PDBML (XML) file of the C-alpha atoms, coordinates in Angstrom:
<?xml version="1.0" encoding="UTF-8" ?>
<PDBx:datablock datablockName="MODEL"
   xmlns:PDBx="http://pdbml.pdb.org/schema/pdbx-v50.xsd"
   xmlns:xsi="http://www.w3.org/2001/XMLSchema-instance"
   xsi:schemaLocation="http://pdbml.pdb.org/schema/pdbx-v50.xsd pdbx-v50.xsd">
   <PDBx:atom_siteCategory>
      <PDBx:atom_site id="1">
         <PDBx:B_iso_or_equiv>0.00</PDBx:B_iso_or_equiv>
         <PDBx:Cartn_x>23.136</PDBx:Cartn_x>
         <PDBx:Cartn_y>8.939</PDBx:Cartn_y>
         <PDBx:Cartn_z>-10.035</PDBx:Cartn_z>
         <PDBx:auth_asym_id>A</PDBx:auth_asym_id>
         <PDBx:auth_atom_id>CA</PDBx:auth_atom_id>
         <PDBx:auth_comp_id>THR</PDBx:auth_comp_id>
         <PDBx:auth_seq_id>1</PDBx:auth_seq_id>
         <PDBx:group_PDB>ATOM</PDBx:group_PDB>
         <PDBx:label_alt_id xsi:nil="true" />
         <PDBx:label_asym_id>A</PDBx:label_asym_id>
         <PDBx:label_atom_id>CA</PDBx:label_atom_id>
         <PDBx:label_comp_id>THR</PDBx:label_comp_id>
         <PDBx:label_entity_id>1</PDBx:label_entity_id>
         <PDBx:label_seq_id>1</PDBx:label_seq_id>
         <PDBx:occupancy>1.00</PDBx:occupancy>
         <PDBx:pdbx_PDB_model_num>1</PDBx:pdbx_PDB_model_num>
         <PDBx:type_symbol>C</PDBx:type_symbol>
      </PDBx:atom_site>
      <PDBx:atom_site id="2">
         <PDBx:B_iso_or_equiv>0.00</PDBx:B_iso_or_equiv>
         <PDBx:Cartn_x>21.827</PDBx:Cartn_x>
         <PDBx:Cartn_y>7.684</PDBx:Cartn_y>
         <PDBx:Cartn_z>-6.664</PDBx:Cartn_z>
         <PDBx:auth_asym_id>A</PDBx:auth_asym_id>
         <PDBx:auth_atom_id>CA</PDBx:auth_atom_id>
         <PDBx:auth_comp_id>HIS</PDBx:auth_comp_id>
         <PDBx:auth_seq_id>2</PDBx:auth_seq_id>
         <PDBx:group_PDB>ATOM</PDBx:group_PDB>
         <PDBx:label_alt_id xsi:nil="true" />
         <PDBx:label_asym_id>A</PDBx:label_asym_id>
         <PDBx:label_atom_id>CA</PDBx:label_atom_id>
         <PDBx:label_comp_id>HIS</PDBx:label_comp_id>
         <PDBx:label_entity_id>1</PDBx:label_entity_id>
         <PDBx:label_seq_id>2</PDBx:label_seq_id>
         <PDBx:occupancy>1.00</PDBx:occupancy>
         <PDBx:pdbx_PDB_model_num>1</PDBx:pdbx_PDB_model_num>
         <PDBx:type_symbol>C</PDBx:type_symbol>
      </PDBx:atom_site>
      <PDBx:atom_site id="3">
         <PDBx:B_iso_or_equiv>0.00</PDBx:B_iso_or_equiv>
         <PDBx:Cartn_x>18.813</PDBx:Cartn_x>
         <PDBx:Cartn_y>5.399</PDBx:Cartn_y>
         <PDBx:Cartn_z>-7.064</PDBx:Cartn_z>
         <PDBx:auth_asym_id>A</PDBx:auth_asym_id>
         <PDBx:auth_atom_id>CA</PDBx:auth_atom_id>
         <PDBx:auth_comp_id>VAL</PDBx:auth_comp_id>
         <PDBx:auth_seq_id>3</PDBx:auth_seq_id>
         <PDBx:group_PDB>ATOM</PDBx:group_PDB>
         <PDBx:label_alt_id xsi:nil="true" />
         <PDBx:label_asym_id>A</PDBx:label_asym_id>
         <PDBx:label_atom_id>CA</PDBx:label_atom_id>
         <PDBx:label_comp_id>VAL</PDBx:label_comp_id>
         <PDBx:label_entity_id>1</PDBx:label_entity_id>
         <PDBx:label_seq_id>3</PDBx:label_seq_id>
         <PDBx:occupancy>1.00</PDBx:occupancy>
         <PDBx:pdbx_PDB_model_num>1</PDBx:pdbx_PDB_model_num>
         <PDBx:type_symbol>C</PDBx:type_symbol>
      </PDBx:atom_site>
      <PDBx:atom_site id="4">
         <PDBx:B_iso_or_equiv>0.00</PDBx:B_iso_or_equiv>
         <PDBx:Cartn_x>17.230</PDBx:Cartn_x>
         <PDBx:Cartn_y>6.829</PDBx:Cartn_y>
         <PDBx:Cartn_z>-3.907</PDBx:Cartn_z>
         <PDBx:auth_asym_id>A</PDBx:auth_asym_id>
         <PDBx:auth_atom_id>CA</PDBx:auth_atom_id>
         <PDBx:auth_comp_id>VAL</PDBx:auth_comp_id>
         <PDBx:auth_seq_id>4</PDBx:auth_seq_id>
         <PDBx:group_PDB>ATOM</PDBx:group_PDB>
         <PDBx:label_alt_id xsi:nil="true" />
         <PDBx:label_asym_id>A</PDBx:label_asym_id>
         <PDBx:label_atom_id>CA</PDBx:label_atom_id>
         <PDBx:label_comp_id>VAL</PDBx:label_comp_id>
         <PDBx:label_entity_id>1</PDBx:label_entity_id>
         <PDBx:label_seq_id>4</PDBx:label_seq_id>
         <PDBx:occupancy>1.00</PDBx:occupancy>
         <PDBx:pdbx_PDB_model_num>1</PDBx:pdbx_PDB_model_num>
         <PDBx:type_symbol>C</PDBx:type_symbol>
      </PDBx:atom_site>
      <PDBx:atom_site id="5">
         <PDBx:B_iso_or_equiv>0.00</PDBx:B_iso_or_equiv>
         <PDBx:Cartn_x>17.200</PDBx:Cartn_x>
         <PDBx:Cartn_y>10.288</PDBx:Cartn_y>
         <PDBx:Cartn_z>-5.532</PDBx:Cartn_z>
         <PDBx:auth_asym_id>A</PDBx:auth_asym_id>
         <PDBx:auth_atom_id>CA</PDBx:auth_atom_id>
         <PDBx:auth_comp_id>THR</PDBx:auth_comp_id>
         <PDBx:auth_seq_id>5</PDBx:auth_seq_id>
         <PDBx:group_PDB>ATOM</PDBx:group_PDB>
         <PDBx:label_alt_id xsi:nil="true" />
         <PDBx:label_asym_id>A</PDBx:label_asym_id>
         <PDBx:label_atom_id>CA</PDBx:label_atom_id>
         <PDBx:label_comp_id>THR</PDBx:label_comp_id>
         <PDBx:label_entity_id>1</PDBx:label_entity_id>
         <PDBx:label_seq_id>5</PDBx:label_seq_id>
         <PDBx:occupancy>1.00</PDBx:occupancy>
         <PDBx:pdbx_PDB_model_num>1</PDBx:pdbx_PDB_model_num>
         <PDBx:type_symbol>C</PDBx:type_symbol>
      </PDBx:atom_site>
      <PDBx:atom_site id="6">
         <PDBx:B_iso_or_equiv>0.00</PDBx:B_iso_or_equiv>
         <PDBx:Cartn_x>15.287</PDBx:Cartn_x>
         <PDBx:Cartn_y>8.919</PDBx:Cartn_y>
         <PDBx:Cartn_z>-8.507</PDBx:Cartn_z>
         <PDBx:auth_asym_id>A</PDBx:auth_asym_id>
         <PDBx:auth_atom_id>CA</PDBx:auth_atom_id>
         <PDBx:auth_comp_id>GLN</PDBx:auth_comp_id>
         <PDBx:auth_seq_id>6</PDBx:auth_seq_id>
         <PDBx:group_PDB>ATOM</PDBx:group_PDB>
         <PDBx:label_alt_id xsi:nil="true" />
         <PDBx:label_asym_id>A</PDBx:label_asym_id>
         <PDBx:label_atom_id>CA</PDBx:label_atom_id>
         <PDBx:label_comp_id>GLN</PDBx:label_comp_id>
         <PDBx:label_entity_id>1</PDBx:label_entity_id>
         <PDBx:label_seq_id>6</PDBx:label_seq_id>
         <PDBx:occupancy>1.00</PDBx:occupancy>
         <PDBx:pdbx_PDB_model_num>1</PDBx:pdbx_PDB_model_num>
         <PDBx:type_symbol>C</PDBx:type_symbol>
      </PDBx:atom_site>
      <PDBx:atom_site id="7">
         <PDBx:B_iso_or_equiv>0.00</PDBx:B_iso_or_equiv>
         <PDBx:Cartn_x>12.795</PDBx:Cartn_x>
         <PDBx:Cartn_y>7.181</PDBx:Cartn_y>
         <PDBx:Cartn_z>-6.207</PDBx:Cartn_z>
         <PDBx:auth_asym_id>A</PDBx:auth_asym_id>
         <PDBx:auth_atom_id>CA</PDBx:auth_atom_id>
         <PDBx:auth_comp_id>SER</PDBx:auth_comp_id>
         <PDBx:auth_seq_id>7</PDBx:auth_seq_id>
         <PDBx:group_PDB>ATOM</PDBx:group_PDB>
         <PDBx:label_alt_id xsi:nil="true" />
         <PDBx:label_asym_id>A</PDBx:label_asym_id>
         <PDBx:label_atom_id>CA</PDBx:label_atom_id>
         <PDBx:label_comp_id>SER</PDBx:label_comp_id>
         <PDBx:label_entity_id>1</PDBx:label_entity_id>
         <PDBx:label_seq_id>7</PDBx:label_seq_id>
         <PDBx:occupancy>1.00</PDBx:occupancy>
         <PDBx:pdbx_PDB_model_num>1</PDBx:pdbx_PDB_model_num>
         <PDBx:type_symbol>C</PDBx:type_symbol>
      </PDBx:atom_site>
      <PDBx:atom_site id="8">
         <PDBx:B_iso_or_equiv>0.00</PDBx:B_iso_or_equiv>
         <PDBx:Cartn_x>12.146</PDBx:Cartn_x>
         <PDBx:Cartn_y>10.320</PDBx:Cartn_y>
         <PDBx:Cartn_z>-4.170</PDBx:Cartn_z>
         <PDBx:auth_asym_id>A</PDBx:auth_asym_id>
         <PDBx:auth_atom_id>CA</PDBx:auth_atom_id>
         <PDBx:auth_comp_id>ARG</PDBx:auth_comp_id>
         <PDBx:auth_seq_id>8</PDBx:auth_seq_id>
         <PDBx:group_PDB>ATOM</PDBx:group_PDB>
         <PDBx:label_alt_id xsi:nil="true" />
         <PDBx:label_asym_id>A</PDBx:label_asym_id>
         <PDBx:label_atom_id>CA</PDBx:label_atom_id>
         <PDBx:label_comp_id>ARG</PDBx:label_comp_id>
         <PDBx:label_entity_id>1</PDBx:label_entity_id>
         <PDBx:label_seq_id>8</PDBx:label_seq_id>
         <PDBx:occupancy>1.00</PDBx:occupancy>
         <PDBx:pdbx_PDB_model_num>1</PDBx:pdbx_PDB_model_num>
         <PDBx:type_symbol>C</PDBx:type_symbol>
      </PDBx:atom_site>
      <PDBx:atom_site id="9">
         <PDBx:B_iso_or_equiv>0.00</PDBx:B_iso_or_equiv>
         <PDBx:Cartn_x>11.863</PDBx:Cartn_x>
         <PDBx:Cartn_y>12.487</PDBx:Cartn_y>
         <PDBx:Cartn_z>-7.267</PDBx:Cartn_z>
         <PDBx:auth_asym_id>A</PDBx:auth_asym_id>
         <PDBx:auth_atom_id>CA</PDBx:auth_atom_id>
         <PDBx:auth_comp_id>LEU</PDBx:auth_comp_id>
         <PDBx:auth_seq_id>9</PDBx:auth_seq_id>
         <PDBx:group_PDB>ATOM</PDBx:group_PDB>
         <PDBx:label_alt_id xsi:nil="true" />
         <PDBx:label_asym_id>A</PDBx:label_asym_id>
         <PDBx:label_atom_id>CA</PDBx:label_atom_id>
         <PDBx:label_comp_id>LEU</PDBx:label_comp_id>
         <PDBx:label_entity_id>1</PDBx:label_entity_id>
         <PDBx:label_seq_id>9</PDBx:label_seq_id>
         <PDBx:occupancy>1.00</PDBx:occupancy>
         <PDBx:pdbx_PDB_model_num>1</PDBx:pdbx_PDB_model_num>
         <PDBx:type_symbol>C</PDBx:type_symbol>
      </PDBx:atom_site>
      <PDBx:atom_site id="10">
         <PDBx:B_iso_or_equiv>0.00</PDBx:B_iso_or_equiv>
         <PDBx:Cartn_x>9.389</PDBx:Cartn_x>
         <PDBx:Cartn_y>10.042</PDBx:Cartn_y>
         <PDBx:Cartn_z>-8.791</PDBx:Cartn_z>
         <PDBx:auth_asym_id>A</PDBx:auth_asym_id>
         <PDBx:auth_atom_id>CA</PDBx:auth_atom_id>
         <PDBx:auth_comp_id>GLN</PDBx:auth_comp_id>
         <PDBx:auth_seq_id>10</PDBx:auth_seq_id>
         <PDBx:group_PDB>ATOM</PDBx:group_PDB>
         <PDBx:label_alt_id xsi:nil="true" />
         <PDBx:label_asym_id>A</PDBx:label_asym_id>
         <PDBx:label_atom_id>CA</PDBx:label_atom_id>
         <PDBx:label_comp_id>GLN</PDBx:label_comp_id>
         <PDBx:label_entity_id>1</PDBx:label_entity_id>
         <PDBx:label_seq_id>10</PDBx:label_seq_id>
         <PDBx:occupancy>1.00</PDBx:occupancy>
         <PDBx:pdbx_PDB_model_num>1</PDBx:pdbx_PDB_model_num>
         <PDBx:type_symbol>C</PDBx:type_symbol>
      </PDBx:atom_site>
      <PDBx:atom_site id="11">
         <PDBx:B_iso_or_equiv>0.00</PDBx:B_iso_or_equiv>
         <PDBx:Cartn_x>7.280</PDBx:Cartn_x>
         <PDBx:Cartn_y>10.152</PDBx:Cartn_y>
         <PDBx:Cartn_z>-5.618</PDBx:Cartn_z>
         <PDBx:auth_asym_id>A</PDBx:auth_asym_id>
         <PDBx:auth_atom_id>CA</PDBx:auth_atom_id>
         <PDBx:auth_comp_id>GLY</PDBx:auth_comp_id>
         <PDBx:auth_seq_id>11</PDBx:auth_seq_id>
         <PDBx:group_PDB>ATOM</PDBx:group_PDB>
         <PDBx:label_alt_id xsi:nil="true" />
         <PDBx:label_asym_id>A</PDBx:label_asym_id>
         <PDBx:label_atom_id>CA</PDBx:label_atom_id>
         <PDBx:label_comp_id>GLY</PDBx:label_comp_id>
         <PDBx:label_entity_id>1</PDBx:label_entity_id>
         <PDBx:label_seq_id>11</PDBx:label_seq_id>
         <PDBx:occupancy>1.00</PDBx:occupancy>
         <PDBx:pdbx_PDB_model_num>1</PDBx:pdbx_PDB_model_num>
         <PDBx:type_symbol>C</PDBx:type_symbol>
      </PDBx:atom_site>
      <PDBx:atom_site id="12">
         <PDBx:B_iso_or_equiv>0.00</PDBx:B_iso_or_equiv>
         <PDBx:Cartn_x>7.207</PDBx:Cartn_x>
         <PDBx:Cartn_y>13.964</PDBx:Cartn_y>
         <PDBx:Cartn_z>-5.885</PDBx:Cartn_z>
         <PDBx:auth_asym_id>A</PDBx:auth_asym_id>
         <PDBx:auth_atom_id>CA</PDBx:auth_atom_id>
         <PDBx:auth_comp_id>TYR</PDBx:auth_comp_id>
         <PDBx:auth_seq_id>12</PDBx:auth_seq_id>
         <PDBx:group_PDB>ATOM</PDBx:group_PDB>
         <PDBx:label_alt_id xsi:nil="true" />
         <PDBx:label_asym_id>A</PDBx:label_asym_id>
         <PDBx:label_atom_id>CA</PDBx:label_atom_id>
         <PDBx:label_comp_id>TYR</PDBx:label_comp_id>
         <PDBx:label_entity_id>1</PDBx:label_entity_id>
         <PDBx:label_seq_id>12</PDBx:label_seq_id>
         <PDBx:occupancy>1.00</PDBx:occupancy>
         <PDBx:pdbx_PDB_model_num>1</PDBx:pdbx_PDB_model_num>
         <PDBx:type_symbol>C</PDBx:type_symbol>
      </PDBx:atom_site>
      <PDBx:atom_site id="13">
         <PDBx:B_iso_or_equiv>0.00</PDBx:B_iso_or_equiv>
         <PDBx:Cartn_x>6.094</PDBx:Cartn_x>
         <PDBx:Cartn_y>13.693</PDBx:Cartn_y>
         <PDBx:Cartn_z>-9.524</PDBx:Cartn_z>
         <PDBx:auth_asym_id>A</PDBx:auth_asym_id>
         <PDBx:auth_atom_id>CA</PDBx:auth_atom_id>
         <PDBx:auth_comp_id>LEU</PDBx:auth_comp_id>
         <PDBx:auth_seq_id>13</PDBx:auth_seq_id>
         <PDBx:group_PDB>ATOM</PDBx:group_PDB>
         <PDBx:label_alt_id xsi:nil="true" />
         <PDBx:label_asym_id>A</PDBx:label_asym_id>
         <PDBx:label_atom_id>CA</PDBx:label_atom_id>
         <PDBx:label_comp_id>LEU</PDBx:label_comp_id>
         <PDBx:label_entity_id>1</PDBx:label_entity_id>
         <PDBx:label_seq_id>13</PDBx:label_seq_id>
         <PDBx:occupancy>1.00</PDBx:occupancy>
         <PDBx:pdbx_PDB_model_num>1</PDBx:pdbx_PDB_model_num>
         <PDBx:type_symbol>C</PDBx:type_symbol>
      </PDBx:atom_site>
      <PDBx:atom_site id="14">
         <PDBx:B_iso_or_equiv>0.00</PDBx:B_iso_or_equiv>
         <PDBx:Cartn_x>3.511</PDBx:Cartn_x>
         <PDBx:Cartn_y>10.985</PDBx:Cartn_y>
         <PDBx:Cartn_z>-8.744</PDBx:Cartn_z>
         <PDBx:auth_asym_id>A</PDBx:auth_asym_id>
         <PDBx:auth_atom_id>CA</PDBx:auth_atom_id>
         <PDBx:auth_comp_id>ASP</PDBx:auth_comp_id>
         <PDBx:auth_seq_id>14</PDBx:auth_seq_id>
         <PDBx:group_PDB>ATOM</PDBx:group_PDB>
         <PDBx:label_alt_id xsi:nil="true" />
         <PDBx:label_asym_id>A</PDBx:label_asym_id>
         <PDBx:label_atom_id>CA</PDBx:label_atom_id>
         <PDBx:label_comp_id>ASP</PDBx:label_comp_id>
         <PDBx:label_entity_id>1</PDBx:label_entity_id>
         <PDBx:label_seq_id>14</PDBx:label_seq_id>
         <PDBx:occupancy>1.00</PDBx:occupancy>
         <PDBx:pdbx_PDB_model_num>1</PDBx:pdbx_PDB_model_num>
         <PDBx:type_symbol>C</PDBx:type_symbol>
      </PDBx:atom_site>
      <PDBx:atom_site id="15">
         <PDBx:B_iso_or_equiv>0.00</PDBx:B_iso_or_equiv>
         <PDBx:Cartn_x>1.836</PDBx:Cartn_x>
         <PDBx:Cartn_y>13.185</PDBx:Cartn_y>
         <PDBx:Cartn_z>-6.124</PDBx:Cartn_z>
         <PDBx:auth_asym_id>A</PDBx:auth_asym_id>
         <PDBx:auth_atom_id>CA</PDBx:auth_atom_id>
         <PDBx:auth_comp_id>ALA</PDBx:auth_comp_id>
         <PDBx:auth_seq_id>15</PDBx:auth_seq_id>
         <PDBx:group_PDB>ATOM</PDBx:group_PDB>
         <PDBx:label_alt_id xsi:nil="true" />
         <PDBx:label_asym_id>A</PDBx:label_asym_id>
         <PDBx:label_atom_id>CA</PDBx:label_atom_id>
         <PDBx:label_comp_id>ALA</PDBx:label_comp_id>
         <PDBx:label_entity_id>1</PDBx:label_entity_id>
         <PDBx:label_seq_id>15</PDBx:label_seq_id>
         <PDBx:occupancy>1.00</PDBx:occupancy>
         <PDBx:pdbx_PDB_model_num>1</PDBx:pdbx_PDB_model_num>
         <PDBx:type_symbol>C</PDBx:type_symbol>
      </PDBx:atom_site>
      <PDBx:atom_site id="16">
         <PDBx:B_iso_or_equiv>0.00</PDBx:B_iso_or_equiv>
         <PDBx:Cartn_x>1.432</PDBx:Cartn_x>
         <PDBx:Cartn_y>16.038</PDBx:Cartn_y>
         <PDBx:Cartn_z>-8.591</PDBx:Cartn_z>
         <PDBx:auth_asym_id>A</PDBx:auth_asym_id>
         <PDBx:auth_atom_id>CA</PDBx:auth_atom_id>
         <PDBx:auth_comp_id>HIS</PDBx:auth_comp_id>
         <PDBx:auth_seq_id>16</PDBx:auth_seq_id>
         <PDBx:group_PDB>ATOM</PDBx:group_PDB>
         <PDBx:label_alt_id xsi:nil="true" />
         <PDBx:label_asym_id>A</PDBx:label_asym_id>
         <PDBx:label_atom_id>CA</PDBx:label_atom_id>
         <PDBx:label_comp_id>HIS</PDBx:label_comp_id>
         <PDBx:label_entity_id>1</PDBx:label_entity_id>
         <PDBx:label_seq_id>16</PDBx:label_seq_id>
         <PDBx:occupancy>1.00</PDBx:occupancy>
         <PDBx:pdbx_PDB_model_num>1</PDBx:pdbx_PDB_model_num>
         <PDBx:type_symbol>C</PDBx:type_symbol>
      </PDBx:atom_site>
      <PDBx:atom_site id="17">
         <PDBx:B_iso_or_equiv>0.00</PDBx:B_iso_or_equiv>
         <PDBx:Cartn_x>0.082</PDBx:Cartn_x>
         <PDBx:Cartn_y>13.703</PDBx:Cartn_y>
         <PDBx:Cartn_z>-11.271</PDBx:Cartn_z>
         <PDBx:auth_asym_id>A</PDBx:auth_asym_id>
         <PDBx:auth_atom_id>CA</PDBx:auth_atom_id>
         <PDBx:auth_comp_id>ALA</PDBx:auth_comp_id>
         <PDBx:auth_seq_id>17</PDBx:auth_seq_id>
         <PDBx:group_PDB>ATOM</PDBx:group_PDB>
         <PDBx:label_alt_id xsi:nil="true" />
         <PDBx:label_asym_id>A</PDBx:label_asym_id>
         <PDBx:label_atom_id>CA</PDBx:label_atom_id>
         <PDBx:label_comp_id>ALA</PDBx:label_comp_id>
         <PDBx:label_entity_id>1</PDBx:label_entity_id>
         <PDBx:label_seq_id>17</PDBx:label_seq_id>
         <PDBx:occupancy>1.00</PDBx:occupancy>
         <PDBx:pdbx_PDB_model_num>1</PDBx:pdbx_PDB_model_num>
         <PDBx:type_symbol>C</PDBx:type_symbol>
      </PDBx:atom_site>
      <PDBx:atom_site id="18">
         <PDBx:B_iso_or_equiv>0.00</PDBx:B_iso_or_equiv>
         <PDBx:Cartn_x>-2.487</PDBx:Cartn_x>
         <PDBx:Cartn_y>12.234</PDBx:Cartn_y>
         <PDBx:Cartn_z>-8.858</PDBx:Cartn_z>
         <PDBx:auth_asym_id>A</PDBx:auth_asym_id>
         <PDBx:auth_atom_id>CA</PDBx:auth_atom_id>
         <PDBx:auth_comp_id>GLN</PDBx:auth_comp_id>
         <PDBx:auth_seq_id>18</PDBx:auth_seq_id>
         <PDBx:group_PDB>ATOM</PDBx:group_PDB>
         <PDBx:label_alt_id xsi:nil="true" />
         <PDBx:label_asym_id>A</PDBx:label_asym_id>
         <PDBx:label_atom_id>CA</PDBx:label_atom_id>
         <PDBx:label_comp_id>GLN</PDBx:label_comp_id>
         <PDBx:label_entity_id>1</PDBx:label_entity_id>
         <PDBx:label_seq_id>18</PDBx:label_seq_id>
         <PDBx:occupancy>1.00</PDBx:occupancy>
         <PDBx:pdbx_PDB_model_num>1</PDBx:pdbx_PDB_model_num>
         <PDBx:type_symbol>C</PDBx:type_symbol>
      </PDBx:atom_site>
      <PDBx:atom_site id="19">
         <PDBx:B_iso_or_equiv>0.00</PDBx:B_iso_or_equiv>
         <PDBx:Cartn_x>-3.595</PDBx:Cartn_x>
         <PDBx:Cartn_y>15.722</PDBx:Cartn_y>
         <PDBx:Cartn_z>-7.845</PDBx:Cartn_z>
         <PDBx:auth_asym_id>A</PDBx:auth_asym_id>
         <PDBx:auth_atom_id>CA</PDBx:auth_atom_id>
         <PDBx:auth_comp_id>ALA</PDBx:auth_comp_id>
         <PDBx:auth_seq_id>19</PDBx:auth_seq_id>
         <PDBx:group_PDB>ATOM</PDBx:group_PDB>
         <PDBx:label_alt_id xsi:nil="true" />
         <PDBx:label_asym_id>A</PDBx:label_asym_id>
         <PDBx:label_atom_id>CA</PDBx:label_atom_id>
         <PDBx:label_comp_id>ALA</PDBx:label_comp_id>
         <PDBx:label_entity_id>1</PDBx:label_entity_id>
         <PDBx:label_seq_id>19</PDBx:label_seq_id>
         <PDBx:occupancy>1.00</PDBx:occupancy>
         <PDBx:pdbx_PDB_model_num>1</PDBx:pdbx_PDB_model_num>
         <PDBx:type_symbol>C</PDBx:type_symbol>
      </PDBx:atom_site>
      <PDBx:atom_site id="20">
         <PDBx:B_iso_or_equiv>0.00</PDBx:B_iso_or_equiv>
         <PDBx:Cartn_x>-3.800</PDBx:Cartn_x>
         <PDBx:Cartn_y>16.869</PDBx:Cartn_y>
         <PDBx:Cartn_z>-11.466</PDBx:Cartn_z>
         <PDBx:auth_asym_id>A</PDBx:auth_asym_id>
         <PDBx:auth_atom_id>CA</PDBx:auth_atom_id>
         <PDBx:auth_comp_id>GLY</PDBx:auth_comp_id>
         <PDBx:auth_seq_id>20</PDBx:auth_seq_id>
         <PDBx:group_PDB>ATOM</PDBx:group_PDB>
         <PDBx:label_alt_id xsi:nil="true" />
         <PDBx:label_asym_id>A</PDBx:label_asym_id>
         <PDBx:label_atom_id>CA</PDBx:label_atom_id>
         <PDBx:label_comp_id>GLY</PDBx:label_comp_id>
         <PDBx:label_entity_id>1</PDBx:label_entity_id>
         <PDBx:label_seq_id>20</PDBx:label_seq_id>
         <PDBx:occupancy>1.00</PDBx:occupancy>
         <PDBx:pdbx_PDB_model_num>1</PDBx:pdbx_PDB_model_num>
         <PDBx:type_symbol>C</PDBx:type_symbol>
      </PDBx:atom_site>
      <PDBx:atom_site id="21">
         <PDBx:B_iso_or_equiv>0.00</PDBx:B_iso_or_equiv>
         <PDBx:Cartn_x>-1.316</PDBx:Cartn_x>
         <PDBx:Cartn_y>19.671</PDBx:Cartn_y>
         <PDBx:Cartn_z>-10.771</PDBx:Cartn_z>
         <PDBx:auth_asym_id>A</PDBx:auth_asym_id>
         <PDBx:auth_atom_id>CA</PDBx:auth_atom_id>
         <PDBx:auth_comp_id>ILE</PDBx:auth_comp_id>
         <PDBx:auth_seq_id>21</PDBx:auth_seq_id>
         <PDBx:group_PDB>ATOM</PDBx:group_PDB>
         <PDBx:label_alt_id xsi:nil="true" />
         <PDBx:label_asym_id>A</PDBx:label_asym_id>
         <PDBx:label_atom_id>CA</PDBx:label_atom_id>
         <PDBx:label_comp_id>ILE</PDBx:label_comp_id>
         <PDBx:label_entity_id>1</PDBx:label_entity_id>
         <PDBx:label_seq_id>21</PDBx:label_seq_id>
         <PDBx:occupancy>1.00</PDBx:occupancy>
         <PDBx:pdbx_PDB_model_num>1</PDBx:pdbx_PDB_model_num>
         <PDBx:type_symbol>C</PDBx:type_symbol>
      </PDBx:atom_site>
      <PDBx:atom_site id="22">
         <PDBx:B_iso_or_equiv>0.00</PDBx:B_iso_or_equiv>
         <PDBx:Cartn_x>1.395</PDBx:Cartn_x>
         <PDBx:Cartn_y>20.252</PDBx:Cartn_y>
         <PDBx:Cartn_z>-13.397</PDBx:Cartn_z>
         <PDBx:auth_asym_id>A</PDBx:auth_asym_id>
         <PDBx:auth_atom_id>CA</PDBx:auth_atom_id>
         <PDBx:auth_comp_id>PRO</PDBx:auth_comp_id>
         <PDBx:auth_seq_id>22</PDBx:auth_seq_id>
         <PDBx:group_PDB>ATOM</PDBx:group_PDB>
         <PDBx:label_alt_id xsi:nil="true" />
         <PDBx:label_asym_id>A</PDBx:label_asym_id>
         <PDBx:label_atom_id>CA</PDBx:label_atom_id>
         <PDBx:label_comp_id>PRO</PDBx:label_comp_id>
         <PDBx:label_entity_id>1</PDBx:label_entity_id>
         <PDBx:label_seq_id>22</PDBx:label_seq_id>
         <PDBx:occupancy>1.00</PDBx:occupancy>
         <PDBx:pdbx_PDB_model_num>1</PDBx:pdbx_PDB_model_num>
         <PDBx:type_symbol>C</PDBx:type_symbol>
      </PDBx:atom_site>
      <PDBx:atom_site id="23">
         <PDBx:B_iso_or_equiv>0.00</PDBx:B_iso_or_equiv>
         <PDBx:Cartn_x>4.980</PDBx:Cartn_x>
         <PDBx:Cartn_y>20.231</PDBx:Cartn_y>
         <PDBx:Cartn_z>-12.112</PDBx:Cartn_z>
         <PDBx:auth_asym_id>A</PDBx:auth_asym_id>
         <PDBx:auth_atom_id>CA</PDBx:auth_atom_id>
         <PDBx:auth_comp_id>VAL</PDBx:auth_comp_id>
         <PDBx:auth_seq_id>23</PDBx:auth_seq_id>
         <PDBx:group_PDB>ATOM</PDBx:group_PDB>
         <PDBx:label_alt_id xsi:nil="true" />
         <PDBx:label_asym_id>A</PDBx:label_asym_id>
         <PDBx:label_atom_id>CA</PDBx:label_atom_id>
         <PDBx:label_comp_id>VAL</PDBx:label_comp_id>
         <PDBx:label_entity_id>1</PDBx:label_entity_id>
         <PDBx:label_seq_id>23</PDBx:label_seq_id>
         <PDBx:occupancy>1.00</PDBx:occupancy>
         <PDBx:pdbx_PDB_model_num>1</PDBx:pdbx_PDB_model_num>
         <PDBx:type_symbol>C</PDBx:type_symbol>
      </PDBx:atom_site>
      <PDBx:atom_site id="24">
         <PDBx:B_iso_or_equiv>0.00</PDBx:B_iso_or_equiv>
         <PDBx:Cartn_x>6.808</PDBx:Cartn_x>
         <PDBx:Cartn_y>23.530</PDBx:Cartn_y>
         <PDBx:Cartn_z>-12.479</PDBx:Cartn_z>
         <PDBx:auth_asym_id>A</PDBx:auth_asym_id>
         <PDBx:auth_atom_id>CA</PDBx:auth_atom_id>
         <PDBx:auth_comp_id>ASN</PDBx:auth_comp_id>
         <PDBx:auth_seq_id>24</PDBx:auth_seq_id>
         <PDBx:group_PDB>ATOM</PDBx:group_PDB>
         <PDBx:label_alt_id xsi:nil="true" />
         <PDBx:label_asym_id>A</PDBx:label_asym_id>
         <PDBx:label_atom_id>CA</PDBx:label_atom_id>
         <PDBx:label_comp_id>ASN</PDBx:label_comp_id>
         <PDBx:label_entity_id>1</PDBx:label_entity_id>
         <PDBx:label_seq_id>24</PDBx:label_seq_id>
         <PDBx:occupancy>1.00</PDBx:occupancy>
         <PDBx:pdbx_PDB_model_num>1</PDBx:pdbx_PDB_model_num>
         <PDBx:type_symbol>C</PDBx:type_symbol>
      </PDBx:atom_site>
   </PDBx:atom_siteCategory>
</PDBx:datablock>
Protein backbone atom coordinates (compact mmCIF):
# COMPACT_ATOMS: atom_id res chain seq x y z
CA THR A 1 0.00 0.00 0.00
CA HIS A 2 3.05 2.31 0.22
CA VAL A 3 3.70 4.12 -3.05
CA VAL A 4 7.47 3.84 -2.53
CA THR A 5 7.14 0.03 -2.52
CA GLN A 6 5.40 0.13 -5.89
CA SER A 7 8.09 2.44 -7.30
CA ARG A 8 10.93 0.21 -6.12
CA LEU A 9 9.21 -2.94 -7.34
CA GLN A 10 8.63 -1.35 -10.74
CA GLY A 11 12.33 -0.43 -10.97
CA TYR A 12 13.20 -4.08 -10.26
CA LEU A 13 10.81 -5.20 -13.02
CA ASP A 14 12.07 -2.54 -15.46
CA ALA A 15 15.66 -3.74 -15.09
CA HIS A 16 14.69 -7.31 -15.95
CA ALA A 17 12.63 -6.17 -18.93
CA GLN A 18 15.52 -4.08 -20.28
CA ALA A 19 17.88 -7.02 -19.90
CA GLY A 20 15.41 -9.40 -21.55
CA ILE A 21 15.42 -11.63 -18.46
CA PRO A 22 12.03 -12.96 -17.30
CA VAL A 23 11.14 -12.28 -13.66
CA ASN A 24 10.78 -15.38 -11.51
